[in-house]
């Protein structure tokens, strides 16, 4: 079994205290930004929020998705791993303090740097296409994918007009609901229209459905109706 170590990166602070930050994924697959300061053996959590929903937005609400179970913010430094395990659902087996070249970056730039590093790997969005071609893409695109929250989602997109596409359908299909005739749309999906291009589709799905695709592949000949296995994502 892999034993994870909590890597805390030192960063510059206004009051010259020892402040550290990191990003990690907990046992439920949620990605968190975690920030603390150490003063005379006392640890204080100064910031902590989820990064994996609507993470592409540049507005302040992305920093307000706080873990509800995190209730202890000041404690003895030797209790840090215990607090993270109990209230953030991530077990670490040691702590490593790191002095990185990103110590002087403000929060937004630090998050962008970490995001770009994680996207160096190729993650392909596979879509089944048919119809006329607009901007190098078929006018009708469908897929079954699994989000980073491990929810299976059926997605159907169409070209609309003026270079924009529309979400024709987006619904969970991995759980049985009381009313089987009602399709449940992911609540974080708030965009009906988007730029109908490869980058526009990838950006919209990453931002709205908690995915991390880097490229899109359009193919045909796959029967999505008879086989409900996700084609791409966190599979």
C-alpha atoms as a PDB file:
ATOM      1  CA  UNK A   1       0.000   0.000   0.000  1.00  0.00           C
ATOM      2  CA  UNK A   2       1.321   3.436  -0.937  1.00  0.00           C
ATOM      3  CA  UNK A   3       1.921   5.647   2.098  1.00  0.00           C
ATOM      4  CA  UNK A   4       1.439   9.305   1.196  1.00  0.00           C
ATOM      5  CA  UNK A   5       3.523  12.091   2.700  1.00  0.00           C
ATOM      6  CA  UNK A   6       2.086  15.561   3.224  1.00  0.00           C
ATOM      7  CA  UNK A   7       4.329  17.958   1.285  1.00  0.00           C
ATOM      8  CA  UNK A   8       3.963  21.466   2.726  1.00  0.00           C
ATOM      9  CA  UNK A   9       5.444  24.198   0.533  1.00  0.00           C
ATOM     10  CA  UNK A  10       6.713  27.298   2.295  1.00  0.00           C
ATOM     11  CA  UNK A  11       5.408  30.586   0.914  1.00  0.00           C
ATOM     12  CA  UNK A  12       6.120  34.244   1.597  1.00  0.00           C
ATOM     13  CA  UNK A  13       3.751  35.964   4.045  1.00  0.00           C
ATOM     14  CA  UNK A  14       3.163  39.563   5.030  1.00  0.00           C
ATOM     15  CA  UNK A  15       3.799  39.007   8.742  1.00  0.00           C
ATOM     16  CA  UNK A  16       6.961  36.886   8.296  1.00  0.00           C
ATOM     17  CA  UNK A  17       5.441  33.865  10.044  1.00  0.00           C
ATOM     18  CA  UNK A  18       6.131  30.314   8.856  1.00  0.00           C
ATOM     19  CA  UNK A  19       3.300  29.687   6.388  1.00  0.00           C
ATOM     20  CA  UNK A  20       2.819  26.622   4.225  1.00  0.00           C
ATOM     21  CA  UNK A  21       0.420  25.453   1.525  1.00  0.00           C
ATOM     22  CA  UNK A  22      -0.313  22.376  -0.530  1.00  0.00           C
ATOM     23  CA  UNK A  23      -2.905  20.711  -2.767  1.00  0.00           C
ATOM     24  CA  UNK A  24      -4.049  17.132  -2.240  1.00  0.00           C
ATOM     25  CA  UNK A  25      -6.832  14.724  -3.141  1.00  0.00           C
ATOM     26  CA  UNK A  26      -8.772  13.049  -0.332  1.00  0.00           C
ATOM     27  CA  UNK A  27     -10.218   9.551  -0.131  1.00  0.00           C
ATOM     28  CA  UNK A  28     -13.411  10.642  -1.924  1.00  0.00           C
ATOM     29  CA  UNK A  29     -11.481  12.054  -4.880  1.00  0.00           C
ATOM     30  CA  UNK A  30     -12.066  15.689  -3.868  1.00  0.00           C
ATOM     31  CA  UNK A  31      -9.177  18.086  -4.523  1.00  0.00           C
ATOM     32  CA  UNK A  32      -8.378  20.588  -1.777  1.00  0.00           C
ATOM     33  CA  UNK A  33      -6.179  23.626  -1.342  1.00  0.00           C
ATOM     34  CA  UNK A  34      -4.779  23.632   2.198  1.00  0.00           C
ATOM     35  CA  UNK A  35      -2.903  26.468   3.915  1.00  0.00           C
ATOM     36  CA  UNK A  36      -1.553  26.835   7.442  1.00  0.00           C
ATOM     37  CA  UNK A  37       0.894  28.728   9.631  1.00  0.00           C
ATOM     38  CA  UNK A  38       3.099  27.490  12.470  1.00  0.00           C
ATOM     39  CA  UNK A  39       3.818  29.630  15.541  1.00  0.00           C
ATOM     40  CA  UNK A  40       5.671  28.246  18.575  1.00  0.00           C
ATOM     41  CA  UNK A  41       4.410  24.703  18.047  1.00  0.00           C
ATOM     42  CA  UNK A  42       0.834  25.801  17.357  1.00  0.00           C
ATOM     43  CA  UNK A  43      -0.715  25.105  13.959  1.00  0.00           C
ATOM     44  CA  UNK A  44      -3.447  27.357  12.550  1.00  0.00           C
ATOM     45  CA  UNK A  45      -5.321  26.494   9.354  1.00  0.00           C
ATOM     46  CA  UNK A  46      -5.631  29.813   7.532  1.00  0.00           C
ATOM     47  CA  UNK A  47      -7.403  28.636   4.362  1.00  0.00           C
ATOM     48  CA  UNK A  48      -8.899  25.463   2.954  1.00  0.00           C
ATOM     49  CA  UNK A  49     -11.288  25.023   0.029  1.00  0.00           C
ATOM     50  CA  UNK A  50     -12.230  22.614  -2.756  1.00  0.00           C
ATOM     51  CA  UNK A  51     -10.675  23.112  -6.178  1.00  0.00           C
ATOM     52  CA  UNK A  52     -12.542  20.518  -8.214  1.00  0.00           C
ATOM     53  CA  UNK A  53     -15.877  22.232  -8.937  1.00  0.00           C
ATOM     54  CA  UNK A  54     -16.131  25.139 -11.362  1.00  0.00           C
ATOM     55  CA  UNK A  55     -12.366  25.286 -11.005  1.00  0.00           C
ATOM     56  CA  UNK A  56     -11.951  27.105 -14.300  1.00  0.00           C
ATOM     57  CA  UNK A  57     -13.630  30.277 -13.054  1.00  0.00           C
ATOM     58  CA  UNK A  58     -11.595  33.320 -12.102  1.00  0.00           C
ATOM     59  CA  UNK A  59     -14.106  34.785  -9.660  1.00  0.00           C
ATOM     60  CA  UNK A  60     -13.960  34.611  -5.876  1.00  0.00           C
ATOM     61  CA  UNK A  61     -16.770  32.021  -5.401  1.00  0.00           C
ATOM     62  CA  UNK A  62     -14.324  29.253  -6.349  1.00  0.00           C
ATOM     63  CA  UNK A  63     -12.619  29.877  -2.962  1.00  0.00           C
ATOM     64  CA  UNK A  64     -15.831  29.563  -0.941  1.00  0.00           C
ATOM     65  CA  UNK A  65     -16.416  25.814  -1.285  1.00  0.00           C
ATOM     66  CA  UNK A  66     -15.204  24.991   2.223  1.00  0.00           C
ATOM     67  CA  UNK A  67     -15.141  21.446   3.652  1.00  0.00           C
ATOM     68  CA  UNK A  68     -18.071  21.322   6.062  1.00  0.00           C
ATOM     69  CA  UNK A  69     -16.450  18.728   8.327  1.00  0.00           C
ATOM     70  CA  UNK A  70     -13.395  20.897   8.971  1.00  0.00           C
ATOM     71  CA  UNK A  71     -14.143  22.484  12.339  1.00  0.00           C
ATOM     72  CA  UNK A  72     -10.775  22.520  14.115  1.00  0.00           C
ATOM     73  CA  UNK A  73      -8.537  25.361  12.986  1.00  0.00           C
ATOM     74  CA  UNK A  74      -6.034  25.840  15.828  1.00  0.00           C
ATOM     75  CA  UNK A  75      -4.261  22.952  17.541  1.00  0.00           C
ATOM     76  CA  UNK A  76      -0.885  21.531  18.584  1.00  0.00           C
ATOM     77  CA  UNK A  77       1.368  20.989  15.563  1.00  0.00           C
ATOM     78  CA  UNK A  78       1.757  17.256  16.272  1.00  0.00           C
ATOM     79  CA  UNK A  79      -2.012  16.835  15.775  1.00  0.00           C
ATOM     80  CA  UNK A  80      -1.942  18.019  12.143  1.00  0.00           C
ATOM     81  CA  UNK A  81      -2.101  14.611  10.456  1.00  0.00           C
ATOM     82  CA  UNK A  82      -4.782  13.474  12.874  1.00  0.00           C
ATOM     83  CA  UNK A  83      -6.956  16.515  12.077  1.00  0.00           C
ATOM     84  CA  UNK A  84      -6.546  16.026   8.314  1.00  0.00           C
ATOM     85  CA  UNK A  85      -7.440  12.334   8.567  1.00  0.00           C
ATOM     86  CA  UNK A  86     -10.518  12.910  10.730  1.00  0.00           C
ATOM     87  CA  UNK A  87     -11.929  16.078   9.166  1.00  0.00           C
ATOM     88  CA  UNK A  88     -10.623  16.128   5.572  1.00  0.00           C
ATOM     89  CA  UNK A  89     -10.674  12.378   4.931  1.00  0.00           C
ATOM     90  CA  UNK A  90      -7.042  11.977   3.900  1.00  0.00           C
ATOM     91  CA  UNK A  91      -4.474   9.876   5.716  1.00  0.00           C
ATOM     92  CA  UNK A  92      -0.837  10.904   5.510  1.00  0.00           C
ATOM     93  CA  UNK A  93       2.022   9.007   7.130  1.00  0.00           C
ATOM     94  CA  UNK A  94       4.512  11.831   7.441  1.00  0.00           C
ATOM     95  CA  UNK A  95       5.188  15.520   6.792  1.00  0.00           C
ATOM     96  CA  UNK A  96       7.809  17.044   4.534  1.00  0.00           C
ATOM     97  CA  UNK A  97       8.490  20.778   4.533  1.00  0.00           C
ATOM     98  CA  UNK A  98       9.493  21.986   1.066  1.00  0.00           C
ATOM     99  CA  UNK A  99      11.148  25.204  -0.113  1.00  0.00           C
ATOM    100  CA  UNK A 100      10.012  25.556  -3.748  1.00  0.00           C
ATOM    101  CA  UNK A 101      10.560  28.168  -6.439  1.00  0.00           C
ATOM    102  CA  UNK A 102       6.861  29.075  -6.185  1.00  0.00           C
ATOM    103  CA  UNK A 103       7.148  30.525  -2.673  1.00  0.00           C
ATOM    104  CA  UNK A 104       6.633  34.085  -3.897  1.00  0.00           C
ATOM    105  CA  UNK A 105       3.594  33.389  -6.072  1.00  0.00           C
ATOM    106  CA  UNK A 106       0.238  34.876  -5.019  1.00  0.00           C
ATOM    107  CA  UNK A 107      -2.612  32.415  -4.585  1.00  0.00           C
ATOM    108  CA  UNK A 108      -4.108  32.669  -8.105  1.00  0.00           C
ATOM    109  CA  UNK A 109      -0.731  32.207  -9.783  1.00  0.00           C
ATOM    110  CA  UNK A 110       0.151  29.311  -7.486  1.00  0.00           C
ATOM    111  CA  UNK A 111      -3.113  27.523  -8.335  1.00  0.00           C
ATOM    112  CA  UNK A 112      -2.602  28.131 -12.064  1.00  0.00           C
ATOM    113  CA  UNK A 113       0.950  26.779 -11.845  1.00  0.00           C
ATOM    114  CA  UNK A 114      -0.213  23.617 -10.091  1.00  0.00           C
ATOM    115  CA  UNK A 115      -3.077  23.192 -12.558  1.00  0.00           C
ATOM    116  CA  UNK A 116      -0.743  23.484 -15.544  1.00  0.00           C
ATOM    117  CA  UNK A 117       1.638  20.949 -14.012  1.00  0.00           C
ATOM    118  CA  UNK A 118      -1.166  18.419 -13.525  1.00  0.00           C
ATOM    119  CA  UNK A 119      -2.281  18.827 -17.143  1.00  0.00           C
ATOM    120  CA  UNK A 120       1.006  17.812 -18.690  1.00  0.00           C
ATOM    121  CA  UNK A 121      -0.438  14.327 -19.104  1.00  0.00           C
ATOM    122  CA  UNK A 122      -2.830  13.798 -22.008  1.00  0.00           C
ATOM    123  CA  UNK A 123      -6.411  13.052 -21.004  1.00  0.00           C
ATOM    124  CA  UNK A 124      -8.657  12.483 -23.976  1.00  0.00           C
ATOM    125  CA  UNK A 125     -12.348  13.332 -24.195  1.00  0.00           C
ATOM    126  CA  UNK A 126     -13.835  10.754 -26.575  1.00  0.00           C
ATOM    127  CA  UNK A 127     -17.010  11.810 -28.393  1.00  0.00           C
ATOM    128  CA  UNK A 128     -19.166  10.093 -30.998  1.00  0.00           C
ATOM    129  CA  UNK A 129     -20.019  12.464 -33.842  1.00  0.00           C
ATOM    130  CA  UNK A 130     -22.399  12.671 -36.781  1.00  0.00           C
ATOM    131  CA  UNK A 131     -24.009  15.318 -38.978  1.00  0.00           C
ATOM    132  CA  UNK A 132     -22.639  18.275 -40.911  1.00  0.00           C
ATOM    133  CA  UNK A 133     -19.245  19.718 -40.080  1.00  0.00           C
ATOM    134  CA  UNK A 134     -18.949  23.077 -38.273  1.00  0.00           C
ATOM    135  CA  UNK A 135     -15.574  24.439 -37.230  1.00  0.00           C
ATOM    136  CA  UNK A 136     -13.986  21.047 -37.850  1.00  0.00           C
ATOM    137  CA  UNK A 137     -16.516  19.176 -35.687  1.00  0.00           C
ATOM    138  CA  UNK A 138     -19.682  17.168 -36.478  1.00  0.00           C
ATOM    139  CA  UNK A 139     -22.854  19.057 -35.609  1.00  0.00           C
ATOM    140  CA  UNK A 140     -23.961  16.333 -33.182  1.00  0.00           C
ATOM    141  CA  UNK A 141     -21.698  14.930 -30.447  1.00  0.00           C
ATOM    142  CA  UNK A 142     -22.379  12.394 -27.713  1.00  0.00           C
ATOM    143  CA  UNK A 143     -20.392  10.602 -25.037  1.00  0.00           C
ATOM    144  CA  UNK A 144     -20.543   8.767 -21.742  1.00  0.00           C
ATOM    145  CA  UNK A 145     -17.895   9.933 -19.285  1.00  0.00           C
ATOM    146  CA  UNK A 146     -16.952   9.623 -15.640  1.00  0.00           C
ATOM    147  CA  UNK A 147     -16.175  12.804 -13.713  1.00  0.00           C
ATOM    148  CA  UNK A 148     -13.429  13.246 -11.124  1.00  0.00           C
ATOM    149  CA  UNK A 149     -16.199  12.793  -8.540  1.00  0.00           C
ATOM    150  CA  UNK A 150     -16.702   9.311 -10.040  1.00  0.00           C
ATOM    151  CA  UNK A 151     -20.189  10.034 -11.361  1.00  0.00           C
ATOM    152  CA  UNK A 152     -21.139   8.581 -14.743  1.00  0.00           C
ATOM    153  CA  UNK A 153     -22.697  11.219 -17.025  1.00  0.00           C
ATOM    154  CA  UNK A 154     -24.300  11.048 -20.459  1.00  0.00           C
ATOM    155  CA  UNK A 155     -23.547  14.173 -22.520  1.00  0.00           C
ATOM    156  CA  UNK A 156     -25.142  15.235 -25.812  1.00  0.00           C
ATOM    157  CA  UNK A 157     -24.111  18.423 -27.601  1.00  0.00           C
ATOM    158  CA  UNK A 158     -25.253  20.094 -30.813  1.00  0.00           C
ATOM    159  CA  UNK A 159     -24.135  22.976 -32.976  1.00  0.00           C
ATOM    160  CA  UNK A 160     -26.542  25.896 -32.464  1.00  0.00           C
ATOM    161  CA  UNK A 161     -25.593  28.995 -34.472  1.00  0.00           C
ATOM    162  CA  UNK A 162     -23.072  31.817 -34.721  1.00  0.00           C
ATOM    163  CA  UNK A 163     -20.196  29.546 -33.713  1.00  0.00           C
ATOM    164  CA  UNK A 164     -21.890  28.364 -30.528  1.00  0.00           C
ATOM    165  CA  UNK A 165     -23.038  24.962 -29.383  1.00  0.00           C
ATOM    166  CA  UNK A 166     -25.809  23.980 -26.988  1.00  0.00           C
ATOM    167  CA  UNK A 167     -26.049  21.277 -24.330  1.00  0.00           C
ATOM    168  CA  UNK A 168     -28.931  19.139 -25.579  1.00  0.00           C
ATOM    169  CA  UNK A 169     -28.749  16.661 -22.709  1.00  0.00           C
ATOM    170  CA  UNK A 170     -26.525  16.104 -19.686  1.00  0.00           C
ATOM    171  CA  UNK A 171     -27.627  13.645 -17.028  1.00  0.00           C
ATOM    172  CA  UNK A 172     -26.395  11.106 -14.500  1.00  0.00           C
ATOM    173  CA  UNK A 173     -27.072   7.472 -15.299  1.00  0.00           C
ATOM    174  CA  UNK A 174     -25.159   5.584 -12.599  1.00  0.00           C
ATOM    175  CA  UNK A 175     -27.820   5.596  -9.886  1.00  0.00           C
ATOM    176  CA  UNK A 176     -31.443   4.563  -9.670  1.00  0.00           C
ATOM    177  CA  UNK A 177     -33.774   7.395  -8.677  1.00  0.00           C
ATOM    178  CA  UNK A 178     -37.319   7.109  -7.349  1.00  0.00           C
ATOM    179  CA  UNK A 179     -38.763   8.583 -10.540  1.00  0.00           C
ATOM    180  CA  UNK A 180     -36.981   6.747 -13.301  1.00  0.00           C
ATOM    181  CA  UNK A 181     -38.544   8.928 -15.978  1.00  0.00           C
ATOM    182  CA  UNK A 182     -36.800  12.041 -14.599  1.00  0.00           C
ATOM    183  CA  UNK A 183     -33.250  12.704 -15.760  1.00  0.00           C
ATOM    184  CA  UNK A 184     -31.019  14.321 -13.132  1.00  0.00           C
ATOM    185  CA  UNK A 185     -28.718  17.028 -14.462  1.00  0.00           C
ATOM    186  CA  UNK A 186     -25.461  17.684 -12.551  1.00  0.00           C
ATOM    187  CA  UNK A 187     -26.198  20.775 -10.401  1.00  0.00           C
ATOM    188  CA  UNK A 188     -22.871  22.429 -11.252  1.00  0.00           C
ATOM    189  CA  UNK A 189     -23.805  22.576 -14.957  1.00  0.00           C
ATOM    190  CA  UNK A 190     -24.928  26.164 -15.465  1.00  0.00           C
ATOM    191  CA  UNK A 191     -23.865  26.851 -19.070  1.00  0.00           C
ATOM    192  CA  UNK A 192     -26.315  25.995 -21.841  1.00  0.00           C
ATOM    193  CA  UNK A 193     -24.236  27.576 -24.613  1.00  0.00           C
ATOM    194  CA  UNK A 194     -20.513  27.439 -25.304  1.00  0.00           C
ATOM    195  CA  UNK A 195     -18.026  28.055 -28.157  1.00  0.00           C
ATOM    196  CA  UNK A 196     -18.438  25.158 -30.592  1.00  0.00           C
ATOM    197  CA  UNK A 197     -14.775  24.244 -30.898  1.00  0.00           C
ATOM    198  CA  UNK A 198     -12.513  21.558 -29.471  1.00  0.00           C
ATOM    199  CA  UNK A 199     -11.134  23.887 -26.814  1.00  0.00           C
ATOM    200  CA  UNK A 200     -14.583  25.328 -26.067  1.00  0.00           C
ATOM    201  CA  UNK A 201     -16.059  21.883 -25.424  1.00  0.00           C
ATOM    202  CA  UNK A 202     -13.117  20.708 -23.316  1.00  0.00           C
ATOM    203  CA  UNK A 203     -13.121  23.899 -21.229  1.00  0.00           C
ATOM    204  CA  UNK A 204     -16.876  23.754 -20.640  1.00  0.00           C
ATOM    205  CA  UNK A 205     -16.889  20.098 -19.521  1.00  0.00           C
ATOM    206  CA  UNK A 206     -13.825  20.558 -17.316  1.00  0.00           C
ATOM    207  CA  UNK A 207     -15.308  23.614 -15.649  1.00  0.00           C
ATOM    208  CA  UNK A 208     -18.916  22.502 -15.293  1.00  0.00           C
ATOM    209  CA  UNK A 209     -18.648  18.739 -14.755  1.00  0.00           C
ATOM    210  CA  UNK A 210     -15.423  18.463 -12.756  1.00  0.00           C
ATOM    211  CA  UNK A 211     -13.278  16.806 -15.425  1.00  0.00           C
ATOM    212  CA  UNK A 212      -9.658  17.282 -16.455  1.00  0.00           C
ATOM    213  CA  UNK A 213      -9.533  16.579 -20.193  1.00  0.00           C
ATOM    214  CA  UNK A 214      -6.725  18.053 -22.275  1.00  0.00           C
ATOM    215  CA  UNK A 215      -7.706  16.947 -25.800  1.00  0.00           C
ATOM    216  CA  UNK A 216     -10.769  15.754 -27.697  1.00  0.00           C
ATOM    217  CA  UNK A 217     -11.077  12.774 -30.046  1.00  0.00           C
ATOM    218  CA  UNK A 218     -14.132  12.488 -32.300  1.00  0.00           C
ATOM    219  CA  UNK A 219     -14.971   9.068 -33.683  1.00  0.00           C
ATOM    220  CA  UNK A 220     -17.963   7.032 -34.897  1.00  0.00           C
ATOM    221  CA  UNK A 221     -19.220   3.469 -34.882  1.00  0.00           C
ATOM    222  CA  UNK A 222     -19.583   3.100 -31.103  1.00  0.00           C
ATOM    223  CA  UNK A 223     -23.070   2.231 -29.881  1.00  0.00           C
ATOM    224  CA  UNK A 224     -23.644   4.314 -26.759  1.00  0.00           C
ATOM    225  CA  UNK A 225     -27.187   3.032 -26.329  1.00  0.00           C
ATOM    226  CA  UNK A 226     -26.424  -0.668 -25.927  1.00  0.00           C
ATOM    227  CA  UNK A 227     -23.225  -0.228 -23.896  1.00  0.00           C
ATOM    228  CA  UNK A 228     -23.357   2.241 -21.002  1.00  0.00           C
ATOM    229  CA  UNK A 229     -19.704   1.890 -20.007  1.00  0.00           C
ATOM    230  CA  UNK A 230     -18.026   5.345 -19.755  1.00  0.00           C
ATOM    231  CA  UNK A 231     -15.697   5.964 -22.677  1.00  0.00           C
ATOM    232  CA  UNK A 232     -13.400   8.408 -20.927  1.00  0.00           C
ATOM    233  CA  UNK A 233     -12.661  10.377 -17.782  1.00  0.00           C
ATOM    234  CA  UNK A 234     -11.874   8.870 -14.370  1.00  0.00           C
ATOM    235  CA  UNK A 235     -12.266   5.276 -15.546  1.00  0.00           C
END
